[in-house]
């Protein structure tokens, strides 16, 4: 009973969440690399 607009919105929201997650992971990895480079003990 869901309209095409609702389905499309759900898909867009889903992909947005995924891209947010991948960006978060990338930032985390970059942060780890950065802190590993600066720390020399």
Protein backbone atom coordinates (compact mmCIF):
# COMPACT_ATOMS: atom_id res chain seq x y z
CA UNK A 1 0.00 0.00 0.00
CA UNK A 2 3.05 2.23 0.04
CA UNK A 3 3.24 4.88 -2.65
CA UNK A 4 6.22 5.16 -5.03
CA UNK A 5 7.22 8.39 -3.32
CA UNK A 6 7.49 6.63 0.03
CA UNK A 7 9.56 3.84 -1.48
CA UNK A 8 11.85 6.32 -3.19
CA UNK A 9 12.21 8.30 0.01
CA UNK A 10 13.09 5.12 1.89
CA UNK A 11 15.74 4.25 -0.71
CA UNK A 12 17.22 7.76 -0.59
CA UNK A 13 17.29 7.72 3.20
CA UNK A 14 18.92 4.28 3.13
CA UNK A 15 21.66 5.36 0.75
CA UNK A 16 22.19 8.53 2.76
CA UNK A 17 22.66 6.49 5.92
CA UNK A 18 25.10 4.20 4.12
CA UNK A 19 27.16 7.08 2.74
CA UNK A 20 27.16 8.68 6.19
CA UNK A 21 28.45 5.40 7.60
CA UNK A 22 31.19 5.02 4.98
CA UNK A 23 32.28 8.63 5.49
CA UNK A 24 32.40 7.98 9.24
CA UNK A 25 34.54 4.89 8.67
CA UNK A 26 36.85 6.79 6.33
CA UNK A 27 37.25 9.59 8.85
CA UNK A 28 37.94 7.07 11.60
CA UNK A 29 40.60 5.35 9.50
CA UNK A 30 42.18 8.68 8.56
CA UNK A 31 42.11 9.73 12.20
CA UNK A 32 43.81 6.49 13.23
CA UNK A 33 46.52 6.87 10.58
CA UNK A 34 47.03 10.50 11.54
CA UNK A 35 47.38 9.77 15.26
CA UNK A 36 49.69 6.84 14.51
CA UNK A 37 51.94 9.11 12.46
CA UNK A 38 52.13 11.83 15.09
CA UNK A 39 52.67 9.43 17.99
CA UNK A 40 56.26 8.19 18.11
CA UNK A 41 56.57 6.40 21.45
